[in-house]
Amino acid sequence: MFGFLALSYLFIMIIIRIFRIYKSSRGTPFIASYSLGALAAFVSILIAGLSELNFWDQEIATLIYFTVGLNIALFLRHKAEEGKE
């Protein structure tokens, strides 16, 4: 039960983080578009996971975590560049 709750918490926090990035970066079209795409991809994998155990498939897990990580990295890079100007 603890593992299920921990994994659910991880998934919910990823969704919240991506949505906050989208809300914060509406002025930058590329980052906002990428965050919406990352959110859609993550939610679609979660929905597909209802009928298939796909998060433990190495290729899919790597792709999803890379997409989420790239989204966070793009946002942090953009935020740092805004601070310099």
N, C-alpha and C. Protein backbone atom coordinates (compact mmCIF):
# COMPACT_ATOMS: atom_id res chain seq x y z
N MET A 1 0.82 -1.19 0.00
CA MET A 1 0.00 0.00 0.00
C MET A 1 0.86 1.26 0.00
N PHE A 2 1.98 1.22 0.75
CA PHE A 2 2.86 2.38 0.79
C PHE A 2 3.46 2.68 -0.58
N GLY A 3 3.83 1.63 -1.32
CA GLY A 3 4.39 1.82 -2.65
C GLY A 3 3.40 2.46 -3.60
N PHE A 4 2.16 2.03 -3.53
CA PHE A 4 1.11 2.62 -4.37
C PHE A 4 0.93 4.10 -4.05
N LEU A 5 0.90 4.43 -2.76
CA LEU A 5 0.74 5.83 -2.37
C LEU A 5 1.94 6.68 -2.78
N ALA A 6 3.13 6.13 -2.65
CA ALA A 6 4.33 6.86 -3.05
C ALA A 6 4.36 7.11 -4.56
N LEU A 7 4.01 6.10 -5.33
CA LEU A 7 3.99 6.25 -6.79
C LEU A 7 2.88 7.21 -7.22
N SER A 8 1.74 7.13 -6.58
CA SER A 8 0.64 8.07 -6.89
C SER A 8 1.05 9.50 -6.57
N TYR A 9 1.73 9.68 -5.44
CA TYR A 9 2.22 11.01 -5.07
C TYR A 9 3.21 11.53 -6.12
N LEU A 10 4.11 10.67 -6.58
CA LEU A 10 5.08 11.06 -7.60
C LEU A 10 4.37 11.51 -8.88
N PHE A 11 3.40 10.74 -9.33
CA PHE A 11 2.68 11.08 -10.56
C PHE A 11 1.90 12.38 -10.41
N ILE A 12 1.25 12.56 -9.28
CA ILE A 12 0.48 13.79 -9.06
C ILE A 12 1.40 15.00 -8.99
N MET A 13 2.54 14.87 -8.35
CA MET A 13 3.48 15.99 -8.27
C MET A 13 4.08 16.32 -9.64
N ILE A 14 4.30 15.32 -10.48
CA ILE A 14 4.79 15.59 -11.83
C ILE A 14 3.75 16.37 -12.61
N ILE A 15 2.48 15.98 -12.51
CA ILE A 15 1.42 16.69 -13.22
C ILE A 15 1.30 18.13 -12.72
N ILE A 16 1.35 18.32 -11.41
CA ILE A 16 1.26 19.67 -10.84
C ILE A 16 2.45 20.51 -11.27
N ARG A 17 3.64 19.94 -11.26
CA ARG A 17 4.85 20.69 -11.66
C ARG A 17 4.77 21.12 -13.12
N ILE A 18 4.36 20.23 -14.00
CA ILE A 18 4.25 20.58 -15.41
C ILE A 18 3.20 21.65 -15.62
N PHE A 19 2.08 21.55 -14.92
CA PHE A 19 1.03 22.56 -15.07
C PHE A 19 1.49 23.92 -14.56
N ARG A 20 2.24 23.94 -13.47
CA ARG A 20 2.78 25.21 -12.96
C ARG A 20 3.78 25.82 -13.94
N ILE A 21 4.57 24.98 -14.58
CA ILE A 21 5.50 25.48 -15.59
C ILE A 21 4.73 26.09 -16.75
N TYR A 22 3.66 25.44 -17.16
CA TYR A 22 2.84 25.99 -18.24
C TYR A 22 2.26 27.35 -17.84
N LYS A 23 1.72 27.46 -16.64
CA LYS A 23 1.13 28.72 -16.20
C LYS A 23 2.18 29.82 -16.10
N SER A 24 3.39 29.48 -15.69
CA SER A 24 4.44 30.48 -15.52
C SER A 24 5.07 30.92 -16.84
N SER A 25 4.98 30.08 -17.85
CA SER A 25 5.69 30.37 -19.10
C SER A 25 4.75 30.66 -20.26
N ARG A 26 3.60 31.20 -20.00
CA ARG A 26 2.67 31.52 -21.09
C ARG A 26 3.23 32.56 -22.05
N GLY A 27 4.12 33.42 -21.57
CA GLY A 27 4.71 34.44 -22.43
C GLY A 27 5.74 33.90 -23.40
N THR A 28 6.24 32.71 -23.16
CA THR A 28 7.23 32.08 -24.03
C THR A 28 6.55 30.93 -24.76
N PRO A 29 6.24 31.11 -26.04
CA PRO A 29 5.43 30.10 -26.74
C PRO A 29 6.06 28.72 -26.80
N PHE A 30 7.38 28.62 -26.99
CA PHE A 30 7.99 27.31 -27.12
C PHE A 30 7.90 26.51 -25.82
N ILE A 31 8.22 27.15 -24.71
CA ILE A 31 8.19 26.44 -23.43
C ILE A 31 6.76 26.10 -23.04
N ALA A 32 5.83 27.01 -23.28
CA ALA A 32 4.43 26.73 -22.96
C ALA A 32 3.90 25.58 -23.81
N SER A 33 4.23 25.58 -25.10
CA SER A 33 3.78 24.50 -25.98
C SER A 33 4.42 23.17 -25.59
N TYR A 34 5.69 23.20 -25.26
CA TYR A 34 6.36 21.96 -24.86
C TYR A 34 5.78 21.42 -23.56
N SER A 35 5.47 22.30 -22.62
CA SER A 35 4.92 21.82 -21.35
C SER A 35 3.53 21.24 -21.54
N LEU A 36 2.72 21.82 -22.43
CA LEU A 36 1.41 21.22 -22.71
C LEU A 36 1.57 19.86 -23.37
N GLY A 37 2.53 19.73 -24.27
CA GLY A 37 2.79 18.44 -24.90
C GLY A 37 3.30 17.41 -23.91
N ALA A 38 4.18 17.84 -23.00
CA ALA A 38 4.69 16.92 -21.98
C ALA A 38 3.57 16.48 -21.04
N LEU A 39 2.69 17.41 -20.70
CA LEU A 39 1.55 17.07 -19.84
C LEU A 39 0.62 16.09 -20.54
N ALA A 40 0.33 16.34 -21.81
CA ALA A 40 -0.54 15.43 -22.56
C ALA A 40 0.10 14.05 -22.70
N ALA A 41 1.40 14.00 -22.96
CA ALA A 41 2.07 12.71 -23.09
C ALA A 41 2.06 11.95 -21.77
N PHE A 42 2.32 12.65 -20.67
CA PHE A 42 2.35 11.99 -19.37
C PHE A 42 0.97 11.46 -18.98
N VAL A 43 -0.05 12.28 -19.18
CA VAL A 43 -1.41 11.84 -18.84
C VAL A 43 -1.85 10.69 -19.74
N SER A 44 -1.48 10.74 -21.01
CA SER A 44 -1.88 9.65 -21.91
C SER A 44 -1.20 8.33 -21.53
N ILE A 45 0.05 8.40 -21.09
CA ILE A 45 0.73 7.18 -20.63
C ILE A 45 0.07 6.66 -19.35
N LEU A 46 -0.34 7.56 -18.46
CA LEU A 46 -1.03 7.12 -17.25
C LEU A 46 -2.37 6.47 -17.59
N ILE A 47 -3.09 7.03 -18.55
CA ILE A 47 -4.38 6.45 -18.94
C ILE A 47 -4.15 5.11 -19.64
N ALA A 48 -3.15 5.03 -20.49
CA ALA A 48 -2.85 3.76 -21.15
C ALA A 48 -2.40 2.71 -20.14
N GLY A 49 -1.84 3.16 -19.03
CA GLY A 49 -1.40 2.25 -17.99
C GLY A 49 -2.54 1.56 -17.25
N LEU A 50 -3.76 2.01 -17.47
CA LEU A 50 -4.90 1.34 -16.85
C LEU A 50 -5.14 -0.04 -17.44
N SER A 51 -4.73 -0.22 -18.70
CA SER A 51 -4.97 -1.52 -19.34
C SER A 51 -3.68 -2.28 -19.64
N GLU A 52 -2.53 -1.65 -19.43
CA GLU A 52 -1.26 -2.31 -19.74
C GLU A 52 -0.20 -1.81 -18.77
N LEU A 53 0.67 -2.66 -18.34
CA LEU A 53 1.74 -2.28 -17.43
C LEU A 53 2.89 -1.72 -18.27
N ASN A 54 2.82 -0.42 -18.57
CA ASN A 54 3.80 0.16 -19.48
C ASN A 54 4.85 1.01 -18.77
N PHE A 55 4.66 1.37 -17.52
CA PHE A 55 5.65 2.21 -16.85
C PHE A 55 6.89 1.43 -16.46
N TRP A 56 6.81 0.11 -16.45
CA TRP A 56 7.98 -0.69 -16.12
C TRP A 56 8.69 -1.17 -17.38
N ASP A 57 8.19 -0.77 -18.53
CA ASP A 57 8.89 -1.02 -19.78
C ASP A 57 9.98 0.05 -19.89
N GLN A 58 11.21 -0.35 -20.03
CA GLN A 58 12.34 0.57 -19.93
C GLN A 58 12.29 1.69 -20.97
N GLU A 59 11.91 1.38 -22.20
CA GLU A 59 11.91 2.40 -23.24
C GLU A 59 10.88 3.48 -22.95
N ILE A 60 9.70 3.09 -22.53
CA ILE A 60 8.64 4.06 -22.26
C ILE A 60 8.98 4.89 -21.03
N ALA A 61 9.47 4.26 -19.98
CA ALA A 61 9.82 5.00 -18.77
C ALA A 61 10.94 6.01 -19.05
N THR A 62 11.92 5.61 -19.82
CA THR A 62 13.01 6.52 -20.16
C THR A 62 12.50 7.71 -20.96
N LEU A 63 11.64 7.46 -21.91
CA LEU A 63 11.08 8.54 -22.73
C LEU A 63 10.25 9.51 -21.89
N ILE A 64 9.43 8.99 -21.02
CA ILE A 64 8.59 9.86 -20.20
C ILE A 64 9.43 10.68 -19.23
N TYR A 65 10.36 10.05 -18.54
CA TYR A 65 11.17 10.80 -17.58
C TYR A 65 12.09 11.80 -18.29
N PHE A 66 12.55 11.48 -19.48
CA PHE A 66 13.34 12.43 -20.27
C PHE A 66 12.49 13.63 -20.66
N THR A 67 11.26 13.39 -21.10
CA THR A 67 10.37 14.47 -21.51
C THR A 67 10.05 15.39 -20.34
N VAL A 68 9.75 14.82 -19.20
CA VAL A 68 9.46 15.63 -18.01
C VAL A 68 10.71 16.39 -17.56
N GLY A 69 11.85 15.74 -17.56
CA GLY A 69 13.09 16.40 -17.16
C GLY A 69 13.50 17.52 -18.10
N LEU A 70 13.31 17.31 -19.39
CA LEU A 70 13.62 18.36 -20.36
C LEU A 70 12.70 19.55 -20.18
N ASN A 71 11.46 19.30 -19.87
CA ASN A 71 10.52 20.39 -19.61
C ASN A 71 10.97 21.23 -18.42
N ILE A 72 11.37 20.59 -17.35
CA ILE A 72 11.83 21.31 -16.16
C ILE A 72 13.14 22.05 -16.47
N ALA A 73 14.04 21.42 -17.20
CA ALA A 73 15.32 22.06 -17.54
C ALA A 73 15.12 23.28 -18.44
N LEU A 74 14.22 23.19 -19.42
CA LEU A 74 13.94 24.34 -20.28
C LEU A 74 13.39 25.50 -19.47
N PHE A 75 12.49 25.20 -18.57
CA PHE A 75 11.90 26.26 -17.75
C PHE A 75 12.94 26.91 -16.85
N LEU A 76 13.77 26.12 -16.20
CA LEU A 76 14.79 26.68 -15.31
C LEU A 76 15.81 27.49 -16.09
N ARG A 77 16.17 27.03 -17.27
CA ARG A 77 17.11 27.78 -18.12
C ARG A 77 16.51 29.12 -18.54
N HIS A 78 15.25 29.10 -18.94
CA HIS A 78 14.56 30.33 -19.34
C HIS A 78 14.44 31.29 -18.16
N LYS A 79 14.14 30.76 -16.99
CA LYS A 79 14.00 31.59 -15.79
C LYS A 79 15.34 32.23 -15.43
N ALA A 80 16.43 31.49 -15.58
CA ALA A 80 17.76 32.03 -15.29
C ALA A 80 18.14 33.12 -16.29
N GLU A 81 17.79 32.93 -17.55
CA GLU A 81 18.10 33.94 -18.56
C GLU A 81 17.26 35.20 -18.36
N GLU A 82 16.04 35.05 -17.89
CA GLU A 82 15.21 36.22 -17.60
C GLU A 82 15.81 37.03 -16.46
N GLY A 83 16.39 36.36 -15.49
CA GLY A 83 16.98 37.04 -14.34
C GLY A 83 18.22 37.84 -14.71
N LYS A 84 18.93 37.42 -15.76
CA LYS A 84 20.14 38.12 -16.19
C LYS A 84 19.81 39.42 -16.92
N GLU A 85 18.67 39.45 -17.57
CA GLU A 85 18.33 40.64 -18.37
C GLU A 85 17.79 41.77 -17.55
